[in-house]
Amino acid sequence: MTSIGHPLVGDPKYGNRKNPFQIAGQALHSKSLDLTHPKTGERMHFEAAVPEDMMEIISSLRREQSKV
């Protein structure tokens, strides 16, 4: 992501060294994922809620944006 100008928060190698957020791991999440199983060919769908620490970051960024 850094190569296209979007470093990930929490990425120790390629992320921005100034990390103002407390997050366990990288700030990268997919709400849903669809793929084809490589052996069976079955279409698979997965969903995951946004983790609480990421929701706190989103809320913080929205508050900052509303101040602008």
N, C-alpha and C. Protein backbone atom coordinates (compact mmCIF):
# COMPACT_ATOMS: atom_id res chain seq x y z
N MET A 1 0.82 -1.19 0.00
CA MET A 1 0.00 0.00 0.00
C MET A 1 0.87 1.27 0.00
N THR A 2 2.00 1.21 0.66
CA THR A 2 2.88 2.36 0.70
C THR A 2 3.31 2.76 -0.71
N SER A 3 3.52 1.77 -1.57
CA SER A 3 3.99 2.06 -2.94
C SER A 3 2.99 2.89 -3.73
N ILE A 4 1.71 2.89 -3.33
CA ILE A 4 0.72 3.72 -4.03
C ILE A 4 0.28 4.91 -3.17
N GLY A 5 1.09 5.21 -2.15
CA GLY A 5 0.84 6.40 -1.33
C GLY A 5 -0.13 6.23 -0.18
N HIS A 6 -0.37 5.00 0.24
CA HIS A 6 -1.31 4.75 1.33
C HIS A 6 -0.70 3.78 2.36
N PRO A 7 0.26 4.26 3.17
CA PRO A 7 0.85 3.38 4.18
C PRO A 7 -0.20 2.96 5.21
N LEU A 8 -0.05 1.78 5.77
CA LEU A 8 -1.01 1.27 6.75
C LEU A 8 -0.60 1.64 8.16
N VAL A 9 -1.56 2.11 8.92
CA VAL A 9 -1.32 2.37 10.34
C VAL A 9 -1.01 1.03 11.00
N GLY A 10 0.03 0.99 11.79
CA GLY A 10 0.38 -0.21 12.52
C GLY A 10 1.33 -1.13 11.79
N ASP A 11 1.71 -0.80 10.54
CA ASP A 11 2.65 -1.64 9.80
C ASP A 11 4.05 -1.25 10.23
N PRO A 12 4.75 -2.13 10.95
CA PRO A 12 6.06 -1.77 11.49
C PRO A 12 7.14 -1.58 10.43
N LYS A 13 6.99 -2.15 9.26
CA LYS A 13 8.01 -2.03 8.23
C LYS A 13 7.73 -0.89 7.25
N TYR A 14 6.51 -0.80 6.75
CA TYR A 14 6.20 0.16 5.69
C TYR A 14 5.26 1.28 6.12
N GLY A 15 4.73 1.21 7.32
CA GLY A 15 3.79 2.22 7.77
C GLY A 15 4.47 3.50 8.20
N ASN A 16 3.64 4.51 8.46
CA ASN A 16 4.12 5.78 8.97
C ASN A 16 4.65 5.56 10.39
N ARG A 17 5.85 6.00 10.65
CA ARG A 17 6.45 5.79 11.98
C ARG A 17 5.71 6.56 13.08
N LYS A 18 5.03 7.64 12.71
CA LYS A 18 4.25 8.42 13.67
C LYS A 18 2.84 7.84 13.72
N ASN A 19 2.62 6.93 14.63
CA ASN A 19 1.33 6.27 14.75
C ASN A 19 0.59 6.85 15.95
N PRO A 20 -0.40 7.71 15.73
CA PRO A 20 -1.12 8.32 16.84
C PRO A 20 -2.18 7.42 17.46
N PHE A 21 -2.37 6.23 16.91
CA PHE A 21 -3.45 5.35 17.36
C PHE A 21 -2.90 4.13 18.10
N GLN A 22 -3.67 3.67 19.06
CA GLN A 22 -3.35 2.43 19.76
C GLN A 22 -4.11 1.31 19.05
N ILE A 23 -3.38 0.52 18.27
CA ILE A 23 -4.03 -0.56 17.54
C ILE A 23 -3.13 -1.80 17.58
N ALA A 24 -3.77 -2.95 17.74
CA ALA A 24 -3.03 -4.21 17.75
C ALA A 24 -2.97 -4.73 16.32
N GLY A 25 -1.82 -4.62 15.71
CA GLY A 25 -1.67 -5.08 14.33
C GLY A 25 -1.83 -3.95 13.33
N GLN A 26 -2.12 -4.29 12.09
CA GLN A 26 -2.25 -3.30 11.03
C GLN A 26 -3.70 -2.85 10.88
N ALA A 27 -3.89 -1.61 10.48
CA ALA A 27 -5.23 -1.07 10.27
C ALA A 27 -5.69 -1.45 8.86
N LEU A 28 -5.93 -2.71 8.66
CA LEU A 28 -6.38 -3.22 7.38
C LEU A 28 -7.45 -4.26 7.67
N HIS A 29 -8.63 -4.06 7.10
CA HIS A 29 -9.74 -4.95 7.41
C HIS A 29 -10.65 -5.08 6.20
N SER A 30 -11.22 -6.22 6.02
CA SER A 30 -12.22 -6.44 4.99
C SER A 30 -13.50 -6.90 5.68
N LYS A 31 -14.58 -6.17 5.44
CA LYS A 31 -15.86 -6.55 6.03
C LYS A 31 -16.34 -7.86 5.45
N SER A 32 -16.13 -8.04 4.14
CA SER A 32 -16.53 -9.29 3.52
C SER A 32 -15.49 -9.72 2.48
N LEU A 33 -15.46 -11.00 2.24
CA LEU A 33 -14.51 -11.57 1.30
C LEU A 33 -15.19 -12.72 0.57
N ASP A 34 -15.11 -12.70 -0.75
CA ASP A 34 -15.64 -13.78 -1.57
C ASP A 34 -14.49 -14.39 -2.35
N LEU A 35 -14.46 -15.71 -2.39
CA LEU A 35 -13.42 -16.38 -3.16
C LEU A 35 -13.91 -17.74 -3.61
N THR A 36 -13.16 -18.32 -4.53
CA THR A 36 -13.45 -19.66 -5.00
C THR A 36 -12.44 -20.61 -4.37
N HIS A 37 -12.94 -21.67 -3.73
CA HIS A 37 -12.06 -22.64 -3.09
C HIS A 37 -11.16 -23.26 -4.16
N PRO A 38 -9.86 -23.31 -3.92
CA PRO A 38 -8.93 -23.76 -4.95
C PRO A 38 -9.06 -25.24 -5.34
N LYS A 39 -9.60 -26.06 -4.46
CA LYS A 39 -9.72 -27.49 -4.78
C LYS A 39 -11.12 -27.88 -5.22
N THR A 40 -12.13 -27.35 -4.54
CA THR A 40 -13.51 -27.77 -4.83
C THR A 40 -14.21 -26.89 -5.85
N GLY A 41 -13.70 -25.67 -6.04
CA GLY A 41 -14.36 -24.73 -6.94
C GLY A 41 -15.57 -24.06 -6.32
N GLU A 42 -15.87 -24.41 -5.07
CA GLU A 42 -17.02 -23.83 -4.37
C GLU A 42 -16.81 -22.35 -4.12
N ARG A 43 -17.85 -21.53 -4.38
CA ARG A 43 -17.80 -20.12 -4.05
C ARG A 43 -17.98 -20.00 -2.54
N MET A 44 -17.11 -19.21 -1.91
CA MET A 44 -17.15 -19.06 -0.46
C MET A 44 -17.30 -17.58 -0.12
N HIS A 45 -18.02 -17.31 0.95
CA HIS A 45 -18.25 -15.93 1.40
C HIS A 45 -17.98 -15.87 2.90
N PHE A 46 -17.20 -14.88 3.31
CA PHE A 46 -16.87 -14.68 4.71
C PHE A 46 -17.20 -13.24 5.09
N GLU A 47 -17.66 -13.03 6.31
CA GLU A 47 -17.92 -11.69 6.83
C GLU A 47 -17.31 -11.58 8.22
N ALA A 48 -16.82 -10.38 8.52
CA ALA A 48 -16.24 -10.12 9.84
C ALA A 48 -16.54 -8.69 10.25
N ALA A 49 -16.95 -8.51 11.48
CA ALA A 49 -17.21 -7.16 12.00
C ALA A 49 -15.90 -6.39 12.10
N VAL A 50 -16.01 -5.08 12.01
CA VAL A 50 -14.83 -4.24 12.18
C VAL A 50 -14.41 -4.31 13.65
N PRO A 51 -13.14 -4.60 13.93
CA PRO A 51 -12.68 -4.69 15.32
C PRO A 51 -12.87 -3.37 16.08
N GLU A 52 -13.07 -3.47 17.36
CA GLU A 52 -13.34 -2.30 18.20
C GLU A 52 -12.23 -1.26 18.10
N ASP A 53 -10.96 -1.68 18.10
CA ASP A 53 -9.89 -0.69 18.04
C ASP A 53 -9.92 0.08 16.72
N MET A 54 -10.31 -0.57 15.66
CA MET A 54 -10.42 0.13 14.37
C MET A 54 -11.63 1.05 14.36
N MET A 55 -12.73 0.65 15.00
CA MET A 55 -13.91 1.52 15.10
C MET A 55 -13.56 2.80 15.86
N GLU A 56 -12.72 2.67 16.88
CA GLU A 56 -12.30 3.85 17.63
C GLU A 56 -11.47 4.79 16.75
N ILE A 57 -10.61 4.24 15.92
CA ILE A 57 -9.82 5.06 14.99
C ILE A 57 -10.75 5.77 14.01
N ILE A 58 -11.70 5.05 13.44
CA ILE A 58 -12.64 5.65 12.49
C ILE A 58 -13.41 6.78 13.15
N SER A 59 -13.90 6.56 14.36
CA SER A 59 -14.64 7.60 15.09
C SER A 59 -13.76 8.82 15.33
N SER A 60 -12.53 8.59 15.73
CA SER A 60 -11.59 9.68 15.98
C SER A 60 -11.34 10.48 14.70
N LEU A 61 -11.13 9.80 13.59
CA LEU A 61 -10.88 10.49 12.33
C LEU A 61 -12.12 11.27 11.87
N ARG A 62 -13.30 10.72 12.10
CA ARG A 62 -14.54 11.44 11.74
C ARG A 62 -14.70 12.70 12.58
N ARG A 63 -14.36 12.61 13.88
CA ARG A 63 -14.43 13.80 14.74
C ARG A 63 -13.47 14.87 14.25
N GLU A 64 -12.26 14.48 13.90
CA GLU A 64 -11.26 15.42 13.39
C GLU A 64 -11.73 16.06 12.08
N GLN A 65 -12.30 15.25 11.21
CA GLN A 65 -12.77 15.76 9.91
C GLN A 65 -13.91 16.76 10.10
N SER A 66 -14.76 16.53 11.10
CA SER A 66 -15.89 17.45 11.29
C SER A 66 -15.43 18.80 11.83
N LYS A 67 -14.22 18.85 12.39
CA LYS A 67 -13.67 20.12 12.90
C LYS A 67 -13.16 21.00 11.77
N VAL A 68 -12.90 20.39 10.61
CA VAL A 68 -12.31 21.13 9.49
C VAL A 68 -13.32 21.97 8.78
